[in-house]
Amino acid sequence: MPPTALTTNVFAMTTSAPLPAGSAPLAVGDGSVTDRLVEANRTYASQFADPGMDARPVLQVAVVACMDARLDLHAALGLQLGDCHTIRNAGGVVTDDTIRSLTISQRALGTRAVILIHHTGCGLESLTEDFRHELEDEVGQRPAWAVEAFRDVDQDVRQSMQRVRTNPFLPHRDDVRGFVFDVHTGLLREIDPGS
């Protein structure tokens, strides 16, 4: 099979995070990032062939992970389209909404295993619940959700495993494993739930 050409578009996005030393912002050019993503979708759709898949994951697994842009879960875990359900949020923590998604995944769509993935250098390690107070001061309304900030990533993985293993809405709680993804090496480190 001949190699295929790969075109990559790079977009600069404004964030409150500082740029790495010595780097300069990239020019975005014409249009918004969303416009560019919609255009990329048109290209994707022009070559799309319906895979004829069911919504049930082939591997019967749900992966709960942080939304961090450095985590390419499918590549890191050797997954293909249709293999798993992927549930992502800030920190990869198990919240009420995560439980909602896992419950639907298990009870309606047949998943049986849960993999939890946090990572090194997570932004939640630098936040506190004061973030909610600052938001309340700024907008005049306190968020109903908790920040779920943490200082010890291993302990937070254990807490997330415990939340899954003790939730009565989830019928499959035996195959729950937690990991920390190293953003510098790409390796997963399994967390012992009892340590």
N, C-alpha and C. Protein backbone atom coordinates (compact mmCIF):
# COMPACT_ATOMS: atom_id res chain seq x y z
N MET A 1 0.85 -1.18 0.00
CA MET A 1 0.00 0.00 0.00
C MET A 1 0.89 1.23 0.00
N PRO A 2 0.72 2.16 -0.94
CA PRO A 2 1.57 3.36 -1.00
C PRO A 2 1.27 4.28 0.17
N PRO A 3 2.28 5.02 0.64
CA PRO A 3 2.03 5.96 1.74
C PRO A 3 1.06 7.05 1.28
N THR A 4 0.29 7.54 2.22
CA THR A 4 -0.66 8.60 1.92
C THR A 4 -0.15 9.91 2.47
N ALA A 5 -0.49 10.98 1.81
CA ALA A 5 -0.08 12.31 2.27
C ALA A 5 -0.97 12.73 3.42
N LEU A 6 -0.39 13.38 4.37
CA LEU A 6 -1.13 13.86 5.53
C LEU A 6 -0.97 15.36 5.60
N THR A 7 -2.06 16.08 5.62
CA THR A 7 -2.03 17.52 5.75
C THR A 7 -2.46 17.89 7.16
N THR A 8 -1.66 18.71 7.80
CA THR A 8 -1.98 19.14 9.16
C THR A 8 -2.15 20.64 9.17
N ASN A 9 -3.24 21.10 9.73
CA ASN A 9 -3.46 22.53 9.93
C ASN A 9 -3.19 22.86 11.38
N VAL A 10 -2.44 23.93 11.62
CA VAL A 10 -2.13 24.36 12.98
C VAL A 10 -2.82 25.68 13.22
N PHE A 11 -3.52 25.78 14.34
CA PHE A 11 -4.25 26.99 14.67
C PHE A 11 -3.76 27.54 16.00
N ALA A 12 -3.67 28.83 16.09
CA ALA A 12 -3.35 29.46 17.36
C ALA A 12 -4.65 29.75 18.08
N MET A 13 -4.67 29.47 19.36
CA MET A 13 -5.86 29.75 20.15
C MET A 13 -5.44 30.60 21.34
N THR A 14 -6.24 31.57 21.68
CA THR A 14 -5.95 32.40 22.82
C THR A 14 -6.38 31.69 24.09
N THR A 15 -5.46 31.57 25.02
CA THR A 15 -5.76 30.98 26.33
C THR A 15 -5.10 31.84 27.38
N SER A 16 -5.41 31.56 28.63
CA SER A 16 -4.75 32.28 29.70
C SER A 16 -3.41 31.64 30.05
N ALA A 17 -3.12 30.49 29.44
CA ALA A 17 -1.86 29.81 29.71
C ALA A 17 -0.74 30.52 28.97
N PRO A 18 0.43 30.65 29.60
CA PRO A 18 1.54 31.30 28.92
C PRO A 18 2.10 30.39 27.83
N LEU A 19 2.64 31.02 26.78
CA LEU A 19 3.30 30.26 25.74
C LEU A 19 4.66 29.78 26.25
N PRO A 20 5.16 28.65 25.75
CA PRO A 20 6.49 28.20 26.16
C PRO A 20 7.53 29.26 25.80
N ALA A 21 8.60 29.33 26.59
CA ALA A 21 9.66 30.31 26.37
C ALA A 21 10.18 30.20 24.94
N GLY A 22 10.37 31.34 24.29
CA GLY A 22 10.93 31.37 22.95
C GLY A 22 9.94 31.11 21.84
N SER A 23 8.68 30.87 22.16
CA SER A 23 7.71 30.62 21.09
C SER A 23 6.88 31.86 20.84
N ALA A 24 6.40 31.96 19.63
CA ALA A 24 5.56 33.10 19.26
C ALA A 24 4.20 32.56 18.83
N PRO A 25 3.14 33.34 19.01
CA PRO A 25 1.82 32.89 18.57
C PRO A 25 1.80 32.69 17.06
N LEU A 26 1.05 31.70 16.61
CA LEU A 26 0.90 31.44 15.19
C LEU A 26 -0.21 32.32 14.64
N ALA A 27 -0.08 32.71 13.39
CA ALA A 27 -1.13 33.50 12.75
C ALA A 27 -2.31 32.59 12.42
N VAL A 28 -3.50 33.00 12.80
CA VAL A 28 -4.69 32.20 12.54
C VAL A 28 -5.14 32.36 11.10
N GLY A 29 -4.92 33.51 10.51
CA GLY A 29 -5.35 33.72 9.13
C GLY A 29 -6.81 34.10 9.08
N ASP A 30 -7.42 33.88 7.93
CA ASP A 30 -8.83 34.25 7.74
C ASP A 30 -9.74 33.24 8.42
N GLY A 31 -10.83 33.73 8.97
CA GLY A 31 -11.82 32.85 9.57
C GLY A 31 -11.46 32.45 11.00
N SER A 32 -12.48 31.95 11.67
CA SER A 32 -12.28 31.51 13.05
C SER A 32 -11.80 30.07 13.08
N VAL A 33 -11.36 29.63 14.23
CA VAL A 33 -10.97 28.24 14.40
C VAL A 33 -12.16 27.33 14.08
N THR A 34 -13.35 27.74 14.54
CA THR A 34 -14.55 26.93 14.26
C THR A 34 -14.79 26.83 12.76
N ASP A 35 -14.61 27.93 12.03
CA ASP A 35 -14.76 27.88 10.57
C ASP A 35 -13.80 26.86 9.97
N ARG A 36 -12.57 26.84 10.44
CA ARG A 36 -11.57 25.90 9.92
C ARG A 36 -11.94 24.46 10.27
N LEU A 37 -12.48 24.25 11.45
CA LEU A 37 -12.88 22.89 11.84
C LEU A 37 -14.07 22.42 11.02
N VAL A 38 -15.00 23.32 10.75
CA VAL A 38 -16.15 22.97 9.91
C VAL A 38 -15.68 22.63 8.50
N GLU A 39 -14.74 23.38 7.99
CA GLU A 39 -14.18 23.08 6.67
C GLU A 39 -13.48 21.73 6.66
N ALA A 40 -12.73 21.43 7.72
CA ALA A 40 -12.08 20.12 7.84
C ALA A 40 -13.12 19.01 7.85
N ASN A 41 -14.27 19.27 8.48
CA ASN A 41 -15.34 18.28 8.48
C ASN A 41 -15.89 18.04 7.08
N ARG A 42 -16.00 19.10 6.30
CA ARG A 42 -16.48 18.91 4.93
C ARG A 42 -15.55 17.98 4.15
N THR A 43 -14.25 18.16 4.34
CA THR A 43 -13.28 17.29 3.68
C THR A 43 -13.43 15.86 4.18
N TYR A 44 -13.56 15.71 5.48
CA TYR A 44 -13.75 14.38 6.08
C TYR A 44 -15.02 13.73 5.52
N ALA A 45 -16.11 14.47 5.51
CA ALA A 45 -17.40 13.92 5.06
C ALA A 45 -17.36 13.54 3.58
N SER A 46 -16.56 14.25 2.78
CA SER A 46 -16.50 13.93 1.35
C SER A 46 -15.87 12.57 1.10
N GLN A 47 -15.10 12.08 2.09
CA GLN A 47 -14.45 10.77 1.96
C GLN A 47 -15.03 9.74 2.92
N PHE A 48 -16.07 10.13 3.64
CA PHE A 48 -16.64 9.28 4.69
C PHE A 48 -17.46 8.13 4.09
N ALA A 49 -17.26 6.96 4.67
CA ALA A 49 -18.08 5.80 4.31
C ALA A 49 -18.68 5.28 5.60
N ASP A 50 -19.98 5.16 5.65
CA ASP A 50 -20.67 4.68 6.84
C ASP A 50 -20.11 3.30 7.20
N PRO A 51 -19.52 3.17 8.41
CA PRO A 51 -18.93 1.89 8.79
C PRO A 51 -19.98 0.85 9.17
N GLY A 52 -21.24 1.25 9.25
CA GLY A 52 -22.31 0.31 9.56
C GLY A 52 -22.22 -0.24 10.97
N MET A 53 -21.70 0.53 11.88
CA MET A 53 -21.51 0.07 13.26
C MET A 53 -22.74 0.33 14.10
N ASP A 54 -22.85 -0.47 15.14
CA ASP A 54 -23.83 -0.28 16.20
C ASP A 54 -23.22 0.72 17.19
N ALA A 55 -24.02 1.35 18.02
CA ALA A 55 -23.51 2.27 19.03
C ALA A 55 -22.85 1.54 20.19
N ARG A 56 -23.00 0.23 20.26
CA ARG A 56 -22.39 -0.56 21.33
C ARG A 56 -20.90 -0.75 21.06
N PRO A 57 -20.04 -0.40 22.01
CA PRO A 57 -18.60 -0.56 21.80
C PRO A 57 -18.21 -2.03 21.66
N VAL A 58 -17.40 -2.31 20.67
CA VAL A 58 -16.96 -3.67 20.38
C VAL A 58 -16.25 -4.30 21.58
N LEU A 59 -15.42 -3.52 22.27
CA LEU A 59 -14.65 -4.05 23.40
C LEU A 59 -15.41 -4.00 24.73
N GLN A 60 -16.61 -3.50 24.71
CA GLN A 60 -17.45 -3.39 25.91
C GLN A 60 -16.74 -2.65 27.05
N VAL A 61 -16.05 -1.57 26.71
CA VAL A 61 -15.30 -0.80 27.70
C VAL A 61 -15.64 0.68 27.55
N ALA A 62 -15.67 1.36 28.70
CA ALA A 62 -15.81 2.82 28.73
C ALA A 62 -14.53 3.38 29.33
N VAL A 63 -13.98 4.40 28.68
CA VAL A 63 -12.77 5.06 29.16
C VAL A 63 -13.15 6.45 29.64
N VAL A 64 -12.82 6.74 30.91
CA VAL A 64 -13.06 8.06 31.48
C VAL A 64 -11.69 8.73 31.60
N ALA A 65 -11.53 9.89 30.97
CA ALA A 65 -10.22 10.53 30.95
C ALA A 65 -10.36 12.05 30.99
N CYS A 66 -9.23 12.67 31.27
CA CYS A 66 -9.16 14.13 31.26
C CYS A 66 -9.33 14.64 29.84
N MET A 67 -9.82 15.87 29.72
CA MET A 67 -10.03 16.50 28.43
C MET A 67 -8.75 17.11 27.87
N ASP A 68 -7.65 17.01 28.59
CA ASP A 68 -6.37 17.60 28.19
C ASP A 68 -6.05 17.27 26.72
N ALA A 69 -5.69 18.28 25.97
CA ALA A 69 -5.44 18.13 24.53
C ALA A 69 -4.20 17.28 24.23
N ARG A 70 -3.38 17.02 25.23
CA ARG A 70 -2.18 16.21 25.01
C ARG A 70 -2.47 14.72 25.02
N LEU A 71 -3.68 14.32 25.41
CA LEU A 71 -4.03 12.89 25.50
C LEU A 71 -4.75 12.44 24.24
N ASP A 72 -4.08 11.67 23.43
CA ASP A 72 -4.69 11.05 22.25
C ASP A 72 -5.03 9.62 22.67
N LEU A 73 -6.20 9.47 23.26
CA LEU A 73 -6.56 8.20 23.87
C LEU A 73 -6.59 7.03 22.89
N HIS A 74 -7.13 7.23 21.72
CA HIS A 74 -7.20 6.12 20.76
C HIS A 74 -5.80 5.65 20.39
N ALA A 75 -4.90 6.56 20.13
CA ALA A 75 -3.53 6.17 19.78
C ALA A 75 -2.83 5.55 20.99
N ALA A 76 -2.97 6.15 22.16
CA ALA A 76 -2.27 5.67 23.36
C ALA A 76 -2.72 4.28 23.78
N LEU A 77 -3.98 3.95 23.52
CA LEU A 77 -4.53 2.65 23.94
C LEU A 77 -4.70 1.67 22.79
N GLY A 78 -4.30 2.05 21.60
CA GLY A 78 -4.43 1.16 20.45
C GLY A 78 -5.87 0.90 20.06
N LEU A 79 -6.72 1.90 20.24
CA LEU A 79 -8.15 1.75 19.97
C LEU A 79 -8.50 2.20 18.55
N GLN A 80 -9.54 1.60 18.02
CA GLN A 80 -10.07 1.97 16.72
C GLN A 80 -11.49 2.51 16.91
N LEU A 81 -12.00 3.14 15.88
CA LEU A 81 -13.37 3.63 15.89
C LEU A 81 -14.31 2.48 16.24
N GLY A 82 -15.19 2.71 17.21
CA GLY A 82 -16.16 1.71 17.60
C GLY A 82 -15.73 0.80 18.74
N ASP A 83 -14.48 0.92 19.19
CA ASP A 83 -13.98 0.03 20.25
C ASP A 83 -14.51 0.36 21.64
N CYS A 84 -14.70 1.65 21.94
CA CYS A 84 -15.03 2.03 23.32
C CYS A 84 -15.92 3.26 23.35
N HIS A 85 -16.47 3.52 24.53
CA HIS A 85 -17.08 4.81 24.82
C HIS A 85 -15.99 5.64 25.49
N THR A 86 -15.91 6.90 25.12
CA THR A 86 -14.93 7.80 25.71
C THR A 86 -15.68 8.93 26.41
N ILE A 87 -15.43 9.09 27.69
CA ILE A 87 -16.08 10.12 28.50
C ILE A 87 -14.96 11.01 29.03
N ARG A 88 -14.99 12.29 28.66
CA ARG A 88 -13.89 13.18 29.05
C ARG A 88 -14.44 14.41 29.77
N ASN A 89 -13.65 14.85 30.74
CA ASN A 89 -13.97 16.10 31.45
C ASN A 89 -12.68 16.64 32.06
N ALA A 90 -12.75 17.80 32.68
CA ALA A 90 -11.58 18.38 33.32
C ALA A 90 -11.12 17.46 34.45
N GLY A 91 -9.92 16.94 34.31
CA GLY A 91 -9.35 16.06 35.33
C GLY A 91 -9.65 14.59 35.15
N GLY A 92 -10.64 14.26 34.35
CA GLY A 92 -11.03 12.86 34.22
C GLY A 92 -11.66 12.32 35.50
N VAL A 93 -12.16 13.22 36.33
CA VAL A 93 -12.73 12.82 37.61
C VAL A 93 -14.14 12.25 37.44
N VAL A 94 -14.52 11.39 38.35
CA VAL A 94 -15.85 10.79 38.30
C VAL A 94 -16.82 11.71 39.04
N THR A 95 -17.65 12.38 38.26
CA THR A 95 -18.66 13.31 38.78
C THR A 95 -20.05 12.69 38.56
N ASP A 96 -21.08 13.37 39.00
CA ASP A 96 -22.44 12.87 38.76
C ASP A 96 -22.71 12.69 37.26
N ASP A 97 -22.20 13.62 36.43
CA ASP A 97 -22.45 13.48 35.01
C ASP A 97 -21.66 12.31 34.42
N THR A 98 -20.49 12.03 34.96
CA THR A 98 -19.73 10.85 34.53
C THR A 98 -20.50 9.59 34.86
N ILE A 99 -21.07 9.55 36.07
CA ILE A 99 -21.88 8.38 36.47
C ILE A 99 -23.09 8.24 35.56
N ARG A 100 -23.71 9.35 35.20
CA ARG A 100 -24.84 9.32 34.26
C ARG A 100 -24.41 8.66 32.95
N SER A 101 -23.28 9.10 32.39
CA SER A 101 -22.81 8.54 31.12
C SER A 101 -22.43 7.08 31.27
N LEU A 102 -21.75 6.72 32.36
CA LEU A 102 -21.38 5.31 32.58
C LEU A 102 -22.62 4.43 32.74
N THR A 103 -23.62 4.94 33.43
CA THR A 103 -24.85 4.17 33.63
C THR A 103 -25.53 3.88 32.29
N ILE A 104 -25.63 4.87 31.43
CA ILE A 104 -26.20 4.67 30.10
C ILE A 104 -25.32 3.72 29.29
N SER A 105 -24.01 3.91 29.39
CA SER A 105 -23.07 3.06 28.67
C SER A 105 -23.23 1.59 29.06
N GLN A 106 -23.36 1.33 30.36
CA GLN A 106 -23.48 -0.05 30.83
C GLN A 106 -24.88 -0.62 30.61
N ARG A 107 -25.88 0.10 31.08
CA ARG A 107 -27.23 -0.45 31.08
C ARG A 107 -27.90 -0.46 29.70
N ALA A 108 -27.59 0.52 28.86
CA ALA A 108 -28.25 0.59 27.55
C ALA A 108 -27.36 0.14 26.40
N LEU A 109 -26.04 0.19 26.60
CA LEU A 109 -25.15 -0.06 25.46
C LEU A 109 -24.10 -1.14 25.70
N GLY A 110 -24.22 -1.86 26.80
CA GLY A 110 -23.47 -3.09 26.97
C GLY A 110 -22.04 -3.05 27.43
N THR A 111 -21.55 -1.92 27.91
CA THR A 111 -20.16 -1.94 28.40
C THR A 111 -20.10 -2.63 29.75
N ARG A 112 -18.95 -3.22 30.03
CA ARG A 112 -18.77 -3.98 31.27
C ARG A 112 -17.54 -3.53 32.05
N ALA A 113 -16.55 -2.98 31.37
CA ALA A 113 -15.31 -2.56 32.00
C ALA A 113 -15.21 -1.04 31.99
N VAL A 114 -14.50 -0.50 33.00
CA VAL A 114 -14.27 0.95 33.09
C VAL A 114 -12.78 1.17 33.30
N ILE A 115 -12.20 2.02 32.46
CA ILE A 115 -10.80 2.43 32.61
C ILE A 115 -10.81 3.92 32.92
N LEU A 116 -10.12 4.31 33.99
CA LEU A 116 -10.02 5.71 34.40
C LEU A 116 -8.60 6.19 34.12
N ILE A 117 -8.46 7.31 33.44
CA ILE A 117 -7.13 7.83 33.10
C ILE A 117 -7.01 9.29 33.50
N HIS A 118 -6.15 9.54 34.48
CA HIS A 118 -5.71 10.89 34.82
C HIS A 118 -4.34 11.05 34.17
N HIS A 119 -3.66 12.18 34.41
CA HIS A 119 -2.35 12.36 33.78
C HIS A 119 -1.45 13.27 34.59
N THR A 120 -0.17 13.20 34.30
CA THR A 120 0.79 14.08 34.95
C THR A 120 0.58 15.51 34.45
N GLY A 121 0.91 16.47 35.29
CA GLY A 121 0.82 17.86 34.89
C GLY A 121 -0.60 18.35 34.63
N CYS A 122 -1.58 17.82 35.33
CA CYS A 122 -2.97 18.21 35.12
C CYS A 122 -3.23 19.62 35.67
N GLY A 123 -4.00 20.38 34.94
CA GLY A 123 -4.35 21.73 35.37
C GLY A 123 -5.12 21.78 36.67
N LEU A 124 -5.85 20.71 37.02
CA LEU A 124 -6.61 20.70 38.27
C LEU A 124 -5.71 20.66 39.49
N GLU A 125 -4.44 20.30 39.29
CA GLU A 125 -3.50 20.30 40.41
C GLU A 125 -3.13 21.72 40.84
N SER A 126 -3.38 22.70 39.97
CA SER A 126 -3.02 24.09 40.30
C SER A 126 -4.24 24.93 40.68
N LEU A 127 -5.43 24.35 40.65
CA LEU A 127 -6.64 25.07 41.04
C LEU A 127 -7.07 24.66 42.45
N THR A 128 -7.96 25.45 43.01
CA THR A 128 -8.60 25.12 44.28
C THR A 128 -10.08 25.42 44.14
N GLU A 129 -10.83 25.10 45.16
CA GLU A 129 -12.26 25.43 45.14
C GLU A 129 -12.48 26.94 45.17
N ASP A 130 -11.42 27.72 45.45
CA ASP A 130 -11.54 29.18 45.37
C ASP A 130 -11.93 29.63 43.97
N PHE A 131 -11.64 28.81 42.98
CA PHE A 131 -12.02 29.10 41.60
C PHE A 131 -13.53 29.37 41.52
N ARG A 132 -14.32 28.58 42.25
CA ARG A 132 -15.77 28.78 42.27
C ARG A 132 -16.14 30.12 42.89
N HIS A 133 -15.44 30.48 43.96
CA HIS A 133 -15.71 31.76 44.64
C HIS A 133 -15.37 32.93 43.71
N GLU A 134 -14.27 32.80 42.97
CA GLU A 134 -13.88 33.84 42.03
C GLU A 134 -14.93 33.99 40.93
N LEU A 135 -15.45 32.87 40.45
CA LEU A 135 -16.52 32.93 39.45
C LEU A 135 -17.76 33.61 40.01
N GLU A 136 -18.10 33.26 41.24
CA GLU A 136 -19.27 33.87 41.87
C GLU A 136 -19.08 35.38 42.00
N ASP A 137 -17.88 35.81 42.40
CA ASP A 137 -17.61 37.24 42.52
C ASP A 137 -17.71 37.92 41.15
N GLU A 138 -17.26 37.24 40.11
CA GLU A 138 -17.24 37.83 38.77
C GLU A 138 -18.62 37.91 38.13
N VAL A 139 -19.41 36.83 38.23
CA VAL A 139 -20.67 36.80 37.49
C VAL A 139 -21.91 36.92 38.38
N GLY A 140 -21.73 36.89 39.69
CA GLY A 140 -22.86 37.06 40.59
C GLY A 140 -23.67 35.80 40.84
N GLN A 141 -23.13 34.68 40.46
CA GLN A 141 -23.81 33.40 40.68
C GLN A 141 -22.76 32.33 40.92
N ARG A 142 -22.99 31.51 41.94
CA ARG A 142 -22.05 30.45 42.27
C ARG A 142 -22.34 29.21 41.43
N PRO A 143 -21.31 28.62 40.81
CA PRO A 143 -21.54 27.39 40.03
C PRO A 143 -22.08 26.28 40.93
N ALA A 144 -22.96 25.46 40.37
CA ALA A 144 -23.53 24.34 41.11
C ALA A 144 -22.55 23.17 41.20
N TRP A 145 -21.53 23.19 40.36
CA TRP A 145 -20.58 22.08 40.30
C TRP A 145 -19.34 22.38 41.14
N ALA A 146 -18.68 21.31 41.55
CA ALA A 146 -17.41 21.43 42.27
C ALA A 146 -16.28 21.43 41.27
N VAL A 147 -15.19 22.09 41.60
CA VAL A 147 -14.03 22.13 40.74
C VAL A 147 -13.37 20.75 40.67
N GLU A 148 -13.40 20.01 41.77
CA GLU A 148 -12.78 18.68 41.87
C GLU A 148 -11.26 18.78 41.72
N ALA A 149 -10.69 19.88 42.22
CA ALA A 149 -9.23 20.06 42.20
C ALA A 149 -8.58 19.02 43.11
N PHE A 150 -7.31 18.72 42.83
CA PHE A 150 -6.58 17.75 43.64
C PHE A 150 -5.10 18.09 43.67
N ARG A 151 -4.41 17.58 44.65
CA ARG A 151 -2.96 17.76 44.78
C ARG A 151 -2.21 16.48 44.48
N ASP A 152 -2.84 15.33 44.70
CA ASP A 152 -2.20 14.02 44.54
C ASP A 152 -2.96 13.25 43.48
N VAL A 153 -2.37 13.14 42.27
CA VAL A 153 -3.07 12.51 41.15
C VAL A 153 -3.38 11.04 41.44
N ASP A 154 -2.46 10.33 42.11
CA ASP A 154 -2.71 8.92 42.43
C ASP A 154 -3.93 8.77 43.33
N GLN A 155 -4.01 9.62 44.35
CA GLN A 155 -5.13 9.55 45.27
C GLN A 155 -6.44 9.91 44.58
N ASP A 156 -6.37 10.85 43.63
CA ASP A 156 -7.60 11.22 42.92
C ASP A 156 -8.08 10.08 42.02
N VAL A 157 -7.14 9.33 41.44
CA VAL A 157 -7.53 8.15 40.66
C VAL A 157 -8.21 7.14 41.59
N ARG A 158 -7.64 6.93 42.78
CA ARG A 158 -8.25 6.00 43.74
C ARG A 158 -9.66 6.45 44.11
N GLN A 159 -9.83 7.75 44.34
CA GLN A 159 -11.16 8.28 44.68
C GLN A 159 -12.14 8.04 43.53
N SER A 160 -11.69 8.24 42.31
CA SER A 160 -12.56 8.02 41.15
C SER A 160 -12.93 6.54 41.03
N MET A 161 -11.95 5.64 41.25
CA MET A 161 -12.25 4.20 41.21
C MET A 161 -13.29 3.85 42.26
N GLN A 162 -13.14 4.41 43.45
CA GLN A 162 -14.07 4.14 44.54
C GLN A 162 -15.47 4.64 44.20
N ARG A 163 -15.57 5.80 43.57
CA ARG A 163 -16.88 6.32 43.18
C ARG A 163 -17.58 5.41 42.20
N VAL A 164 -16.82 4.83 41.28
CA VAL A 164 -17.43 3.89 40.31
C VAL A 164 -17.80 2.59 41.02
N ARG A 165 -16.90 2.07 41.83
CA ARG A 165 -17.10 0.76 42.46
C ARG A 165 -18.23 0.74 43.48
N THR A 166 -18.62 1.90 43.97
CA THR A 166 -19.66 1.94 45.00
C THR A 166 -20.98 2.51 44.51
N ASN A 167 -21.06 2.82 43.21
CA ASN A 167 -22.28 3.45 42.71
C ASN A 167 -23.35 2.41 42.38
N PRO A 168 -24.53 2.50 43.00
CA PRO A 168 -25.56 1.48 42.81
C PRO A 168 -26.19 1.47 41.41
N PHE A 169 -26.03 2.54 40.64
CA PHE A 169 -26.60 2.58 39.30
C PHE A 169 -25.80 1.76 38.30
N LEU A 170 -24.56 1.46 38.65
CA LEU A 170 -23.68 0.73 37.73
C LEU A 170 -23.71 -0.76 38.06
N PRO A 171 -24.22 -1.59 37.16
CA PRO A 171 -24.29 -3.02 37.44
C PRO A 171 -22.93 -3.73 37.33
N HIS A 172 -21.99 -3.15 36.58
CA HIS A 172 -20.69 -3.80 36.36
C HIS A 172 -19.60 -2.96 37.03
N ARG A 173 -19.21 -3.37 38.25
CA ARG A 173 -18.26 -2.60 39.03
C ARG A 173 -17.00 -3.39 39.38
N ASP A 174 -16.88 -4.60 38.85
CA ASP A 174 -15.74 -5.44 39.20
C ASP A 174 -14.50 -5.12 38.36
N ASP A 175 -14.69 -4.78 37.10
CA ASP A 175 -13.57 -4.52 36.21
C ASP A 175 -13.38 -3.01 36.05
N VAL A 176 -12.86 -2.38 37.12
CA VAL A 176 -12.61 -0.94 37.15
C VAL A 176 -11.14 -0.76 37.48
N ARG A 177 -10.40 -0.16 36.56
CA ARG A 177 -8.97 0.04 36.78
C ARG A 177 -8.61 1.48 36.49
N GLY A 178 -7.64 2.00 37.25
CA GLY A 178 -7.23 3.39 37.11
C GLY A 178 -5.77 3.53 36.78
N PHE A 179 -5.45 4.58 36.00
CA PHE A 179 -4.09 4.79 35.52
C PHE A 179 -3.76 6.28 35.54
N VAL A 180 -2.44 6.55 35.55
CA VAL A 180 -1.94 7.90 35.33
C VAL A 180 -1.11 7.85 34.05
N PHE A 181 -1.47 8.70 33.09
CA PHE A 181 -0.76 8.82 31.82
C PHE A 181 0.34 9.85 31.98
N ASP A 182 1.57 9.47 31.63
CA ASP A 182 2.70 10.40 31.70
C ASP A 182 2.75 11.18 30.38
N VAL A 183 2.53 12.48 30.45
CA VAL A 183 2.47 13.29 29.22
C VAL A 183 3.84 13.45 28.56
N HIS A 184 4.92 13.08 29.25
CA HIS A 184 6.26 13.19 28.67
C HIS A 184 6.73 11.89 28.03
N THR A 185 6.25 10.75 28.52
CA THR A 185 6.70 9.46 27.98
C THR A 185 5.60 8.72 27.22
N GLY A 186 4.33 9.08 27.46
CA GLY A 186 3.22 8.38 26.83
C GLY A 186 2.83 7.09 27.52
N LEU A 187 3.51 6.75 28.62
CA LEU A 187 3.23 5.51 29.32
C LEU A 187 2.13 5.65 30.37
N LEU A 188 1.37 4.57 30.54
CA LEU A 188 0.38 4.49 31.60
C LEU A 188 1.01 3.84 32.81
N ARG A 189 0.68 4.34 34.00
CA ARG A 189 1.10 3.71 35.25
C ARG A 189 -0.16 3.34 36.00
N GLU A 190 -0.33 2.05 36.29
CA GLU A 190 -1.55 1.61 36.97
C GLU A 190 -1.50 1.98 38.44
N ILE A 191 -2.64 2.39 38.96
CA ILE A 191 -2.77 2.79 40.36
C ILE A 191 -3.44 1.66 41.14
N ASP A 192 -2.81 1.26 42.23
CA ASP A 192 -3.36 0.25 43.13
C ASP A 192 -4.50 0.90 43.91
N PRO A 193 -5.70 0.37 43.80
CA PRO A 193 -6.83 1.01 44.48
C PRO A 193 -6.73 0.98 45.99
N GLY A 194 -5.92 0.09 46.54
CA GLY A 194 -5.85 -0.05 48.00
C GLY A 194 -4.72 0.69 48.67
N SER A 195 -3.80 1.28 47.92
CA SER A 195 -2.62 1.93 48.52
C SER A 195 -2.96 3.25 49.17
